[in-house]
């Protein structure tokens, strides 16, 4: 069974403030998949892990410059 995390737990999982994760979700600044369950927003821990892996680099020259925010 897939582990689902609320906004606060998801933010802690990826190491950002809960407000940052909410901002990214509402603006699309970072494309982190989320699930809407009624009025609740939850994140699959596997999706968060995938996003982290996609944003893991060995040096600054590896990530794309322009078009996507890596803050």
N, C-alpha and C. Protein backbone atom coordinates (compact mmCIF):
# COMPACT_ATOMS: atom_id res chain seq x y z
N UNK A 1 0.83 -1.19 0.00
CA UNK A 1 0.00 0.00 0.00
C UNK A 1 0.87 1.25 0.00
N UNK A 2 0.48 2.21 -0.79
CA UNK A 2 1.23 3.44 -0.96
C UNK A 2 1.06 4.35 0.26
N UNK A 3 2.17 4.92 0.74
CA UNK A 3 2.10 5.83 1.87
C UNK A 3 1.73 7.21 1.37
N UNK A 4 0.69 7.80 1.96
CA UNK A 4 0.25 9.14 1.60
C UNK A 4 0.58 10.11 2.73
N UNK A 5 1.13 11.26 2.36
CA UNK A 5 1.57 12.25 3.35
C UNK A 5 0.79 13.55 3.16
N UNK A 6 0.39 14.18 4.27
CA UNK A 6 -0.25 15.48 4.16
C UNK A 6 0.80 16.52 3.80
N UNK A 7 0.39 17.77 3.60
CA UNK A 7 1.30 18.81 3.15
C UNK A 7 2.49 18.98 4.08
N UNK A 8 2.24 19.01 5.38
CA UNK A 8 3.33 19.21 6.34
C UNK A 8 4.33 18.05 6.31
N UNK A 9 3.83 16.84 6.31
CA UNK A 9 4.71 15.67 6.29
C UNK A 9 5.47 15.57 4.96
N UNK A 10 4.80 15.91 3.87
CA UNK A 10 5.45 15.89 2.55
C UNK A 10 6.56 16.92 2.49
N UNK A 11 6.29 18.11 3.00
CA UNK A 11 7.31 19.16 3.01
C UNK A 11 8.52 18.73 3.83
N UNK A 12 8.27 18.14 4.98
CA UNK A 12 9.37 17.65 5.81
C UNK A 12 10.15 16.55 5.08
N UNK A 13 9.44 15.70 4.36
CA UNK A 13 10.06 14.60 3.62
C UNK A 13 11.07 15.11 2.59
N UNK A 14 10.75 16.23 1.93
CA UNK A 14 11.67 16.75 0.91
C UNK A 14 12.53 17.90 1.41
N UNK A 15 12.32 18.31 2.67
CA UNK A 15 13.21 19.30 3.28
C UNK A 15 12.89 20.75 2.97
N UNK A 16 11.62 21.07 2.78
CA UNK A 16 11.22 22.46 2.56
C UNK A 16 10.13 22.83 3.56
N UNK A 17 9.85 24.10 3.67
CA UNK A 17 8.76 24.56 4.53
C UNK A 17 7.41 24.16 3.92
N UNK A 18 6.44 23.90 4.78
CA UNK A 18 5.11 23.54 4.31
C UNK A 18 4.53 24.64 3.41
N UNK A 19 4.79 25.89 3.74
CA UNK A 19 4.30 27.01 2.93
C UNK A 19 4.93 27.00 1.54
N UNK A 20 6.18 26.59 1.46
CA UNK A 20 6.86 26.51 0.16
C UNK A 20 6.21 25.45 -0.71
N UNK A 21 5.93 24.30 -0.14
CA UNK A 21 5.29 23.23 -0.90
C UNK A 21 3.91 23.67 -1.38
N UNK A 22 3.16 24.33 -0.52
CA UNK A 22 1.84 24.85 -0.90
C UNK A 22 1.96 25.87 -2.03
N UNK A 23 2.95 26.74 -1.95
CA UNK A 23 3.20 27.74 -3.00
C UNK A 23 3.53 27.06 -4.32
N UNK A 24 4.43 26.09 -4.28
CA UNK A 24 4.80 25.37 -5.50
C UNK A 24 3.58 24.71 -6.12
N UNK A 25 2.72 24.12 -5.28
CA UNK A 25 1.53 23.45 -5.77
C UNK A 25 0.57 24.44 -6.42
N UNK A 26 0.37 25.59 -5.81
CA UNK A 26 -0.60 26.55 -6.31
C UNK A 26 -0.11 27.31 -7.53
N UNK A 27 1.21 27.47 -7.68
CA UNK A 27 1.74 28.22 -8.82
C UNK A 27 2.31 27.34 -9.93
N UNK A 28 2.57 26.08 -9.61
CA UNK A 28 3.20 25.20 -10.59
C UNK A 28 4.70 25.43 -10.69
N UNK A 29 5.28 26.15 -9.73
CA UNK A 29 6.72 26.45 -9.75
C UNK A 29 7.55 25.17 -9.77
N UNK A 30 7.09 24.15 -9.07
CA UNK A 30 7.70 22.82 -9.12
C UNK A 30 6.58 21.84 -9.38
N UNK A 31 6.79 20.93 -10.28
CA UNK A 31 5.75 19.98 -10.66
C UNK A 31 5.87 18.71 -9.82
N UNK A 32 5.34 18.79 -8.61
CA UNK A 32 5.33 17.64 -7.71
C UNK A 32 3.91 17.09 -7.70
N UNK A 33 3.72 15.86 -8.15
CA UNK A 33 2.37 15.30 -8.20
C UNK A 33 1.70 15.25 -6.83
N UNK A 34 0.43 15.61 -6.80
CA UNK A 34 -0.33 15.51 -5.56
C UNK A 34 -1.68 14.89 -5.85
N UNK A 35 -2.34 14.45 -4.79
CA UNK A 35 -3.64 13.79 -4.91
C UNK A 35 -4.64 14.61 -4.11
N UNK A 36 -5.76 14.88 -4.71
CA UNK A 36 -6.82 15.63 -4.04
C UNK A 36 -7.86 14.62 -3.57
N UNK A 37 -8.08 14.56 -2.26
CA UNK A 37 -9.05 13.64 -1.67
C UNK A 37 -10.07 14.51 -0.93
N UNK A 38 -11.22 14.74 -1.57
CA UNK A 38 -12.18 15.67 -0.99
C UNK A 38 -11.54 17.04 -0.91
N UNK A 39 -11.49 17.60 0.28
CA UNK A 39 -10.85 18.89 0.47
C UNK A 39 -9.39 18.79 0.87
N UNK A 40 -8.89 17.57 1.01
CA UNK A 40 -7.51 17.36 1.44
C UNK A 40 -6.56 17.19 0.27
N UNK A 41 -5.34 17.60 0.47
CA UNK A 41 -4.26 17.37 -0.50
C UNK A 41 -3.26 16.44 0.16
N UNK A 42 -2.91 15.38 -0.53
CA UNK A 42 -1.91 14.44 -0.03
C UNK A 42 -0.91 14.14 -1.14
N UNK A 43 0.23 13.66 -0.72
CA UNK A 43 1.32 13.33 -1.64
C UNK A 43 1.72 11.88 -1.42
N UNK A 44 1.96 11.16 -2.50
CA UNK A 44 2.48 9.80 -2.40
C UNK A 44 3.98 9.90 -2.11
N UNK A 45 4.44 9.20 -1.10
CA UNK A 45 5.86 9.27 -0.75
C UNK A 45 6.73 8.81 -1.93
N UNK A 46 6.24 7.88 -2.73
CA UNK A 46 7.01 7.42 -3.90
C UNK A 46 7.17 8.54 -4.93
N UNK A 47 6.15 9.39 -5.09
CA UNK A 47 6.24 10.52 -6.02
C UNK A 47 7.24 11.56 -5.51
N UNK A 48 7.25 11.76 -4.20
CA UNK A 48 8.22 12.69 -3.61
C UNK A 48 9.64 12.17 -3.79
N UNK A 49 9.83 10.87 -3.58
CA UNK A 49 11.16 10.27 -3.76
C UNK A 49 11.61 10.39 -5.21
N UNK A 50 10.69 10.20 -6.14
CA UNK A 50 11.02 10.32 -7.56
C UNK A 50 11.43 11.76 -7.87
N UNK A 51 10.68 12.73 -7.34
CA UNK A 51 10.99 14.15 -7.56
C UNK A 51 12.38 14.47 -6.99
N UNK A 52 12.66 13.97 -5.79
CA UNK A 52 13.98 14.20 -5.20
C UNK A 52 15.09 13.63 -6.07
N UNK A 53 14.87 12.43 -6.58
CA UNK A 53 15.88 11.80 -7.43
C UNK A 53 16.12 12.63 -8.70
N UNK A 54 15.03 13.18 -9.27
CA UNK A 54 15.15 14.00 -10.47
C UNK A 54 15.85 15.33 -10.18
N UNK A 55 15.90 15.73 -8.93
CA UNK A 55 16.53 17.00 -8.55
C UNK A 55 17.80 16.78 -7.73
N UNK A 56 18.46 15.66 -7.98
CA UNK A 56 19.72 15.35 -7.33
C UNK A 56 20.83 15.44 -8.37
N UNK A 57 21.85 16.25 -8.07
CA UNK A 57 22.92 16.51 -9.02
C UNK A 57 24.28 16.34 -8.36
N UNK A 58 25.29 16.11 -9.17
CA UNK A 58 26.65 15.97 -8.67
C UNK A 58 27.39 17.30 -8.72
N UNK A 59 26.97 18.19 -9.61
CA UNK A 59 27.56 19.52 -9.70
C UNK A 59 26.57 20.45 -10.39
N UNK A 60 26.79 21.74 -10.26
CA UNK A 60 25.82 22.72 -10.75
C UNK A 60 25.66 22.69 -12.27
N UNK A 61 26.64 22.21 -12.98
CA UNK A 61 26.54 22.14 -14.43
C UNK A 61 25.57 21.09 -14.93
N UNK A 62 25.12 20.20 -14.06
CA UNK A 62 24.21 19.13 -14.47
C UNK A 62 22.76 19.58 -14.64
N UNK A 63 22.33 20.56 -13.86
CA UNK A 63 20.92 20.91 -13.95
C UNK A 63 20.66 21.94 -15.03
N UNK A 64 19.46 21.89 -15.53
CA UNK A 64 19.07 22.79 -16.61
C UNK A 64 19.08 24.23 -16.13
N UNK A 65 19.57 25.12 -16.95
CA UNK A 65 19.52 26.54 -16.63
C UNK A 65 18.51 27.17 -17.57
N UNK A 66 17.51 27.75 -17.00
CA UNK A 66 16.48 28.40 -17.80
C UNK A 66 15.24 27.52 -17.93
N UNK A 67 14.09 28.12 -17.69
CA UNK A 67 12.84 27.43 -17.86
C UNK A 67 12.36 26.69 -16.65
N UNK A 68 13.24 26.30 -15.77
CA UNK A 68 12.75 25.60 -14.59
C UNK A 68 13.47 26.08 -13.36
N UNK A 69 12.70 26.22 -12.29
CA UNK A 69 13.24 26.75 -11.04
C UNK A 69 13.77 25.60 -10.19
N UNK A 70 14.96 25.75 -9.66
CA UNK A 70 15.54 24.72 -8.81
C UNK A 70 15.80 25.27 -7.42
N UNK A 71 14.91 26.13 -6.95
CA UNK A 71 15.07 26.71 -5.62
C UNK A 71 14.48 25.82 -4.58
